Amino acid sequence: MQNNLNHKAHKEGTKHTEDLKNMTENEIAHKIIGLAIEVHKALGPGLLESAYKECLFYKIKQAGYFVEKEKAMPLVFEGVK
């Protein structure tokens, strides 16, 4: 049974990966914003950002998309790295 579930999740993840290749940046943003709105409607206002972040991370993964959190990225502000 577990093997079937893993296979199904893998197939669904592959489907979303293929979908993403054919989507524009605006279409991807639309999907993610939709998930963010679902999270906010479910939790309501007033929580810490970290609560919404964790729930959105979960929803994106649940939808079968690849997501990473807290990725380091280079930033320069007024000449300071």
PDB file of N, CA and C in Angstrom:
ATOM      1  N   MET A   1       0.829  -1.197   0.000  1.00  0.00           N
ATOM      2  CA  MET A   1       0.000   0.000   0.000  1.00  0.00           C
ATOM      3  C   MET A   1       0.875   1.263   0.000  1.00  0.00           C
ATOM      4  N   GLN A   2       1.888   1.292   0.892  1.00  0.00           N
ATOM      5  CA  GLN A   2       2.765   2.452   0.970  1.00  0.00           C
ATOM      6  C   GLN A   2       3.480   2.698  -0.347  1.00  0.00           C
ATOM      7  N   ASN A   3       3.907   1.620  -1.011  1.00  0.00           N
ATOM      8  CA  ASN A   3       4.561   1.757  -2.307  1.00  0.00           C
ATOM      9  C   ASN A   3       3.660   2.444  -3.309  1.00  0.00           C
ATOM     10  N   ASN A   4       2.384   2.069  -3.334  1.00  0.00           N
ATOM     11  CA  ASN A   4       1.430   2.690  -4.247  1.00  0.00           C
ATOM     12  C   ASN A   4       1.268   4.176  -3.952  1.00  0.00           C
ATOM     13  N   LEU A   5       1.247   4.535  -2.679  1.00  0.00           N
ATOM     14  CA  LEU A   5       1.107   5.937  -2.304  1.00  0.00           C
ATOM     15  C   LEU A   5       2.332   6.724  -2.739  1.00  0.00           C
ATOM     16  N   ASN A   6       3.513   6.161  -2.510  1.00  0.00           N
ATOM     17  CA  ASN A   6       4.731   6.849  -2.934  1.00  0.00           C
ATOM     18  C   ASN A   6       4.770   7.000  -4.441  1.00  0.00           C
ATOM     19  N   HIS A   7       4.365   5.946  -5.168  1.00  0.00           N
ATOM     20  CA  HIS A   7       4.352   6.002  -6.626  1.00  0.00           C
ATOM     21  C   HIS A   7       3.375   7.071  -7.100  1.00  0.00           C
ATOM     22  N   LYS A   8       2.195   7.107  -6.468  1.00  0.00           N
ATOM     23  CA  LYS A   8       1.196   8.112  -6.847  1.00  0.00           C
ATOM     24  C   LYS A   8       1.723   9.518  -6.590  1.00  0.00           C
ATOM     25  N   ALA A   9       2.331   9.727  -5.418  1.00  0.00           N
ATOM     26  CA  ALA A   9       2.872  11.051  -5.090  1.00  0.00           C
ATOM     27  C   ALA A   9       3.972  11.427  -6.068  1.00  0.00           C
ATOM     28  N   HIS A  10       4.806  10.446  -6.435  1.00  0.00           N
ATOM     29  CA  HIS A  10       5.875  10.730  -7.390  1.00  0.00           C
ATOM     30  C   HIS A  10       5.292  11.119  -8.740  1.00  0.00           C
ATOM     31  N   LYS A  11       4.278  10.375  -9.185  1.00  0.00           N
ATOM     32  CA  LYS A  11       3.648  10.684 -10.468  1.00  0.00           C
ATOM     33  C   LYS A  11       3.002  12.066 -10.424  1.00  0.00           C
ATOM     34  N   GLU A  12       2.324  12.382  -9.321  1.00  0.00           N
ATOM     35  CA  GLU A  12       1.681  13.688  -9.205  1.00  0.00           C
ATOM     36  C   GLU A  12       2.723  14.797  -9.147  1.00  0.00           C
ATOM     37  N   GLY A  13       3.826  14.561  -8.441  1.00  0.00           N
ATOM     38  CA  GLY A  13       4.900  15.550  -8.390  1.00  0.00           C
ATOM     39  C   GLY A  13       5.482  15.791  -9.762  1.00  0.00           C
ATOM     40  N   THR A  14       5.641  14.712 -10.533  1.00  0.00           N
ATOM     41  CA  THR A  14       6.146  14.837 -11.899  1.00  0.00           C
ATOM     42  C   THR A  14       5.169  15.632 -12.746  1.00  0.00           C
ATOM     43  N   LYS A  15       3.893  15.383 -12.564  1.00  0.00           N
ATOM     44  CA  LYS A  15       2.871  16.121 -13.313  1.00  0.00           C
ATOM     45  C   LYS A  15       3.024  17.617 -13.053  1.00  0.00           C
ATOM     46  N   HIS A  16       3.160  17.997 -11.778  1.00  0.00           N
ATOM     47  CA  HIS A  16       3.296  19.412 -11.457  1.00  0.00           C
ATOM     48  C   HIS A  16       4.592  19.995 -12.003  1.00  0.00           C
ATOM     49  N   THR A  17       5.663  19.200 -11.967  1.00  0.00           N
ATOM     50  CA  THR A  17       6.932  19.671 -12.528  1.00  0.00           C
ATOM     51  C   THR A  17       6.758  19.961 -14.002  1.00  0.00           C
ATOM     52  N   GLU A  18       6.084  19.077 -14.716  1.00  0.00           N
ATOM     53  CA  GLU A  18       5.829  19.304 -16.139  1.00  0.00           C
ATOM     54  C   GLU A  18       4.925  20.520 -16.335  1.00  0.00           C
ATOM     55  N   ASP A  19       3.904  20.664 -15.471  1.00  0.00           N
ATOM     56  CA  ASP A  19       3.015  21.827 -15.557  1.00  0.00           C
ATOM     57  C   ASP A  19       3.810  23.119 -15.393  1.00  0.00           C
ATOM     58  N   LEU A  20       4.733  23.132 -14.428  1.00  0.00           N
ATOM     59  CA  LEU A  20       5.521  24.335 -14.164  1.00  0.00           C
ATOM     60  C   LEU A  20       6.373  24.725 -15.363  1.00  0.00           C
ATOM     61  N   LYS A  21       6.885  23.736 -16.074  1.00  0.00           N
ATOM     62  CA  LYS A  21       7.716  24.027 -17.248  1.00  0.00           C
ATOM     63  C   LYS A  21       6.919  24.766 -18.312  1.00  0.00           C
ATOM     64  N   ASN A  22       5.617  24.531 -18.351  1.00  0.00           N
ATOM     65  CA  ASN A  22       4.768  25.145 -19.364  1.00  0.00           C
ATOM     66  C   ASN A  22       4.042  26.388 -18.868  1.00  0.00           C
ATOM     67  N   MET A  23       4.280  26.767 -17.609  1.00  0.00           N
ATOM     68  CA  MET A  23       3.588  27.911 -17.028  1.00  0.00           C
ATOM     69  C   MET A  23       4.463  29.160 -17.082  1.00  0.00           C
ATOM     70  N   THR A  24       3.826  30.310 -17.201  1.00  0.00           N
ATOM     71  CA  THR A  24       4.556  31.579 -17.128  1.00  0.00           C
ATOM     72  C   THR A  24       4.791  31.921 -15.659  1.00  0.00           C
ATOM     73  N   GLU A  25       5.666  32.882 -15.416  1.00  0.00           N
ATOM     74  CA  GLU A  25       5.903  33.327 -14.043  1.00  0.00           C
ATOM     75  C   GLU A  25       4.616  33.838 -13.409  1.00  0.00           C
ATOM     76  N   ASN A  26       3.785  34.526 -14.177  1.00  0.00           N
ATOM     77  CA  ASN A  26       2.519  35.042 -13.645  1.00  0.00           C
ATOM     78  C   ASN A  26       1.569  33.907 -13.261  1.00  0.00           C
ATOM     79  N   GLU A  27       1.548  32.851 -14.055  1.00  0.00           N
ATOM     80  CA  GLU A  27       0.672  31.707 -13.734  1.00  0.00           C
ATOM     81  C   GLU A  27       1.140  30.992 -12.472  1.00  0.00           C
ATOM     82  N   ILE A  28       2.458  30.844 -12.328  1.00  0.00           N
ATOM     83  CA  ILE A  28       2.998  30.225 -11.111  1.00  0.00           C
ATOM     84  C   ILE A  28       2.671  31.101  -9.905  1.00  0.00           C
ATOM     85  N   ALA A  29       2.888  32.403 -10.036  1.00  0.00           N
ATOM     86  CA  ALA A  29       2.591  33.329  -8.941  1.00  0.00           C
ATOM     87  C   ALA A  29       1.112  33.264  -8.564  1.00  0.00           C
ATOM     88  N   HIS A  30       0.245  33.158  -9.553  1.00  0.00           N
ATOM     89  CA  HIS A  30      -1.198  33.073  -9.309  1.00  0.00           C
ATOM     90  C   HIS A  30      -1.528  31.835  -8.467  1.00  0.00           C
ATOM     91  N   LYS A  31      -0.914  30.703  -8.782  1.00  0.00           N
ATOM     92  CA  LYS A  31      -1.154  29.466  -8.015  1.00  0.00           C
ATOM     93  C   LYS A  31      -0.675  29.633  -6.572  1.00  0.00           C
ATOM     94  N   ILE A  32       0.525  30.185  -6.395  1.00  0.00           N
ATOM     95  CA  ILE A  32       1.099  30.324  -5.056  1.00  0.00           C
ATOM     96  C   ILE A  32       0.306  31.334  -4.228  1.00  0.00           C
ATOM     97  N   ILE A  33      -0.086  32.431  -4.838  1.00  0.00           N
ATOM     98  CA  ILE A  33      -0.899  33.420  -4.118  1.00  0.00           C
ATOM     99  C   ILE A  33      -2.235  32.804  -3.707  1.00  0.00           C
ATOM    100  N   GLY A  34      -2.807  31.986  -4.586  1.00  0.00           N
ATOM    101  CA  GLY A  34      -4.050  31.287  -4.244  1.00  0.00           C
ATOM    102  C   GLY A  34      -3.874  30.410  -3.015  1.00  0.00           C
ATOM    103  N   LEU A  35      -2.752  29.696  -2.941  1.00  0.00           N
ATOM    104  CA  LEU A  35      -2.474  28.864  -1.766  1.00  0.00           C
ATOM    105  C   LEU A  35      -2.272  29.730  -0.528  1.00  0.00           C
ATOM    106  N   ALA A  36      -1.601  30.867  -0.690  1.00  0.00           N
ATOM    107  CA  ALA A  36      -1.389  31.771   0.443  1.00  0.00           C
ATOM    108  C   ALA A  36      -2.719  32.304   0.969  1.00  0.00           C
ATOM    109  N   ILE A  37      -3.626  32.613   0.078  1.00  0.00           N
ATOM    110  CA  ILE A  37      -4.951  33.093   0.494  1.00  0.00           C
ATOM    111  C   ILE A  37      -5.703  31.990   1.232  1.00  0.00           C
ATOM    112  N   GLU A  38      -5.587  30.741   0.751  1.00  0.00           N
ATOM    113  CA  GLU A  38      -6.222  29.614   1.461  1.00  0.00           C
ATOM    114  C   GLU A  38      -5.702  29.515   2.891  1.00  0.00           C
ATOM    115  N   VAL A  39      -4.383  29.626   3.047  1.00  0.00           N
ATOM    116  CA  VAL A  39      -3.774  29.553   4.377  1.00  0.00           C
ATOM    117  C   VAL A  39      -4.292  30.687   5.252  1.00  0.00           C
ATOM    118  N   HIS A  40      -4.315  31.900   4.721  1.00  0.00           N
ATOM    119  CA  HIS A  40      -4.746  33.044   5.520  1.00  0.00           C
ATOM    120  C   HIS A  40      -6.217  32.928   5.910  1.00  0.00           C
ATOM    121  N   LYS A  41      -7.056  32.451   4.993  1.00  0.00           N
ATOM    122  CA  LYS A  41      -8.475  32.259   5.314  1.00  0.00           C
ATOM    123  C   LYS A  41      -8.649  31.220   6.411  1.00  0.00           C
ATOM    124  N   ALA A  42      -7.831  30.161   6.367  1.00  0.00           N
ATOM    125  CA  ALA A  42      -7.946  29.088   7.365  1.00  0.00           C
ATOM    126  C   ALA A  42      -7.449  29.531   8.736  1.00  0.00           C
ATOM    127  N   LEU A  43      -6.365  30.304   8.771  1.00  0.00           N
ATOM    128  CA  LEU A  43      -5.757  30.695  10.043  1.00  0.00           C
ATOM    129  C   LEU A  43      -6.279  32.016  10.584  1.00  0.00           C
ATOM    130  N   GLY A  44      -6.691  32.898   9.686  1.00  0.00           N
ATOM    131  CA  GLY A  44      -7.130  34.215  10.108  1.00  0.00           C
ATOM    132  C   GLY A  44      -5.952  35.140  10.343  1.00  0.00           C
ATOM    133  N   PRO A  45      -6.239  36.395  10.659  1.00  0.00           N
ATOM    134  CA  PRO A  45      -5.168  37.380  10.869  1.00  0.00           C
ATOM    135  C   PRO A  45      -4.574  37.290  12.273  1.00  0.00           C
ATOM    136  N   GLY A  46      -3.405  37.922  12.447  1.00  0.00           N
ATOM    137  CA  GLY A  46      -2.859  38.124  13.780  1.00  0.00           C
ATOM    138  C   GLY A  46      -1.773  37.172  14.229  1.00  0.00           C
ATOM    139  N   LEU A  47      -1.428  36.173  13.425  1.00  0.00           N
ATOM    140  CA  LEU A  47      -0.373  35.251  13.836  1.00  0.00           C
ATOM    141  C   LEU A  47       0.988  35.775  13.391  1.00  0.00           C
ATOM    142  N   LEU A  48       2.015  35.186  13.931  1.00  0.00           N
ATOM    143  CA  LEU A  48       3.366  35.536  13.507  1.00  0.00           C
ATOM    144  C   LEU A  48       3.591  35.062  12.079  1.00  0.00           C
ATOM    145  N   GLU A  49       4.470  35.769  11.375  1.00  0.00           N
ATOM    146  CA  GLU A  49       4.790  35.413   9.986  1.00  0.00           C
ATOM    147  C   GLU A  49       5.244  33.963   9.877  1.00  0.00           C
ATOM    148  N   SER A  50       5.977  33.477  10.867  1.00  0.00           N
ATOM    149  CA  SER A  50       6.508  32.111  10.820  1.00  0.00           C
ATOM    150  C   SER A  50       5.391  31.066  10.750  1.00  0.00           C
ATOM    151  N   ALA A  51       4.261  31.334  11.380  1.00  0.00           N
ATOM    152  CA  ALA A  51       3.129  30.396  11.330  1.00  0.00           C
ATOM    153  C   ALA A  51       2.578  30.305   9.905  1.00  0.00           C
ATOM    154  N   TYR A  52       2.389  31.446   9.273  1.00  0.00           N
ATOM    155  CA  TYR A  52       1.887  31.456   7.899  1.00  0.00           C
ATOM    156  C   TYR A  52       2.904  30.816   6.948  1.00  0.00           C
ATOM    157  N   LYS A  53       4.193  31.096   7.184  1.00  0.00           N
ATOM    158  CA  LYS A  53       5.253  30.554   6.327  1.00  0.00           C
ATOM    159  C   LYS A  53       5.246  29.026   6.358  1.00  0.00           C
ATOM    160  N   GLU A  54       5.177  28.450   7.552  1.00  0.00           N
ATOM    161  CA  GLU A  54       5.194  26.992   7.672  1.00  0.00           C
ATOM    162  C   GLU A  54       3.962  26.363   7.020  1.00  0.00           C
ATOM    163  N   CYS A  55       2.820  26.981   7.191  1.00  0.00           N
ATOM    164  CA  CYS A  55       1.588  26.447   6.601  1.00  0.00           C
ATOM    165  C   CYS A  55       1.606  26.577   5.079  1.00  0.00           C
ATOM    166  N   LEU A  56       2.121  27.689   4.581  1.00  0.00           N
ATOM    167  CA  LEU A  56       2.217  27.857   3.133  1.00  0.00           C
ATOM    168  C   LEU A  56       3.207  26.860   2.550  1.00  0.00           C
ATOM    169  N   PHE A  57       4.333  26.646   3.224  1.00  0.00           N
ATOM    170  CA  PHE A  57       5.304  25.645   2.791  1.00  0.00           C
ATOM    171  C   PHE A  57       4.624  24.283   2.668  1.00  0.00           C
ATOM    172  N   TYR A  58       3.851  23.923   3.680  1.00  0.00           N
ATOM    173  CA  TYR A  58       3.117  22.654   3.675  1.00  0.00           C
ATOM    174  C   TYR A  58       2.141  22.583   2.492  1.00  0.00           C
ATOM    175  N   LYS A  59       1.373  23.651   2.282  1.00  0.00           N
ATOM    176  CA  LYS A  59       0.374  23.662   1.199  1.00  0.00           C
ATOM    177  C   LYS A  59       1.035  23.540  -0.182  1.00  0.00           C
ATOM    178  N   ILE A  60       2.159  24.203  -0.374  1.00  0.00           N
ATOM    179  CA  ILE A  60       2.856  24.132  -1.660  1.00  0.00           C
ATOM    180  C   ILE A  60       3.364  22.714  -1.899  1.00  0.00           C
ATOM    181  N   LYS A  61       3.968  22.107  -0.863  1.00  0.00           N
ATOM    182  CA  LYS A  61       4.436  20.731  -0.999  1.00  0.00           C
ATOM    183  C   LYS A  61       3.265  19.779  -1.215  1.00  0.00           C
ATOM    184  N   GLN A  62       2.166  19.988  -0.490  1.00  0.00           N
ATOM    185  CA  GLN A  62       0.980  19.150  -0.614  1.00  0.00           C
ATOM    186  C   GLN A  62       0.411  19.222  -2.030  1.00  0.00           C
ATOM    187  N   ALA A  63       0.538  20.379  -2.653  1.00  0.00           N
ATOM    188  CA  ALA A  63       0.049  20.558  -4.018  1.00  0.00           C
ATOM    189  C   ALA A  63       0.968  19.880  -5.043  1.00  0.00           C
ATOM    190  N   GLY A  64       2.116  19.372  -4.574  1.00  0.00           N
ATOM    191  CA  GLY A  64       3.006  18.634  -5.452  1.00  0.00           C
ATOM    192  C   GLY A  64       4.108  19.453  -6.082  1.00  0.00           C
ATOM    193  N   TYR A  65       4.284  20.682  -5.618  1.00  0.00           N
ATOM    194  CA  TYR A  65       5.325  21.545  -6.168  1.00  0.00           C
ATOM    195  C   TYR A  65       6.572  21.468  -5.308  1.00  0.00           C
ATOM    196  N   PHE A  66       7.730  21.706  -5.924  1.00  0.00           N
ATOM    197  CA  PHE A  66       8.999  21.749  -5.207  1.00  0.00           C
ATOM    198  C   PHE A  66       9.139  23.122  -4.569  1.00  0.00           C
ATOM    199  N   VAL A  67       9.515  23.138  -3.300  1.00  0.00           N
ATOM    200  CA  VAL A  67       9.679  24.412  -2.595  1.00  0.00           C
ATOM    201  C   VAL A  67      10.829  24.284  -1.605  1.00  0.00           C
ATOM    202  N   GLU A  68      11.565  25.367  -1.430  1.00  0.00           N
ATOM    203  CA  GLU A  68      12.636  25.437  -0.441  1.00  0.00           C
ATOM    204  C   GLU A  68      12.393  26.661   0.432  1.00  0.00           C
ATOM    205  N   LYS A  69      12.765  26.542   1.714  1.00  0.00           N
ATOM    206  CA  LYS A  69      12.598  27.654   2.653  1.00  0.00           C
ATOM    207  C   LYS A  69      13.942  28.258   3.014  1.00  0.00           C
ATOM    208  N   GLU A  70      13.900  29.540   3.333  1.00  0.00           N
ATOM    209  CA  GLU A  70      15.038  30.221   3.939  1.00  0.00           C
ATOM    210  C   GLU A  70      16.331  30.028   3.147  1.00  0.00           C
ATOM    211  N   LYS A  71      16.237  30.151   1.847  1.00  0.00           N
ATOM    212  CA  LYS A  71      17.423  30.031   1.005  1.00  0.00           C
ATOM    213  C   LYS A  71      18.266  31.293   1.134  1.00  0.00           C
ATOM    214  N   ALA A  72      19.571  31.092   1.322  1.00  0.00           N
ATOM    215  CA  ALA A  72      20.482  32.233   1.369  1.00  0.00           C
ATOM    216  C   ALA A  72      20.622  32.804  -0.037  1.00  0.00           C
ATOM    217  N   MET A  73      20.612  34.107  -0.131  1.00  0.00           N
ATOM    218  CA  MET A  73      20.806  34.744  -1.425  1.00  0.00           C
ATOM    219  C   MET A  73      21.657  35.986  -1.239  1.00  0.00           C
ATOM    220  N   PRO A  74      22.496  36.258  -2.225  1.00  0.00           N
ATOM    221  CA  PRO A  74      23.365  37.426  -2.092  1.00  0.00           C
ATOM    222  C   PRO A  74      22.545  38.724  -2.109  1.00  0.00           C
ATOM    223  N   LEU A  75      22.932  39.645  -1.261  1.00  0.00           N
ATOM    224  CA  LEU A  75      22.228  40.912  -1.178  1.00  0.00           C
ATOM    225  C   LEU A  75      23.246  42.017  -0.910  1.00  0.00           C
ATOM    226  N   VAL A  76      23.132  43.070  -1.666  1.00  0.00           N
ATOM    227  CA  VAL A  76      23.984  44.246  -1.448  1.00  0.00           C
ATOM    228  C   VAL A  76      23.052  45.420  -1.187  1.00  0.00           C
ATOM    229  N   PHE A  77      23.275  46.106  -0.052  1.00  0.00           N
ATOM    230  CA  PHE A  77      22.486  47.277   0.306  1.00  0.00           C
ATOM    231  C   PHE A  77      23.436  48.409   0.625  1.00  0.00           C
ATOM    232  N   GLU A  78      23.367  49.447  -0.146  1.00  0.00           N
ATOM    233  CA  GLU A  78      24.235  50.625   0.014  1.00  0.00           C
ATOM    234  C   GLU A  78      25.691  50.218   0.122  1.00  0.00           C
ATOM    235  N   GLY A  79      26.096  49.288  -0.757  1.00  0.00           N
ATOM    236  CA  GLY A  79      27.479  48.859  -0.816  1.00  0.00           C
ATOM    237  C   GLY A  79      27.879  47.831   0.231  1.00  0.00           C
ATOM    238  N   VAL A  80      26.947  47.440   1.099  1.00  0.00           N
ATOM    239  CA  VAL A  80      27.245  46.457   2.153  1.00  0.00           C
ATOM    240  C   VAL A  80      26.674  45.120   1.740  1.00  0.00           C
ATOM    241  N   LYS A  81      27.514  44.065   1.829  1.00  0.00           N
ATOM    242  CA  LYS A  81      27.046  42.706   1.501  1.00  0.00           C
ATOM    243  C   LYS A  81      26.464  42.061   2.728  1.00  0.00           C
TER     244      LYS A  81
END
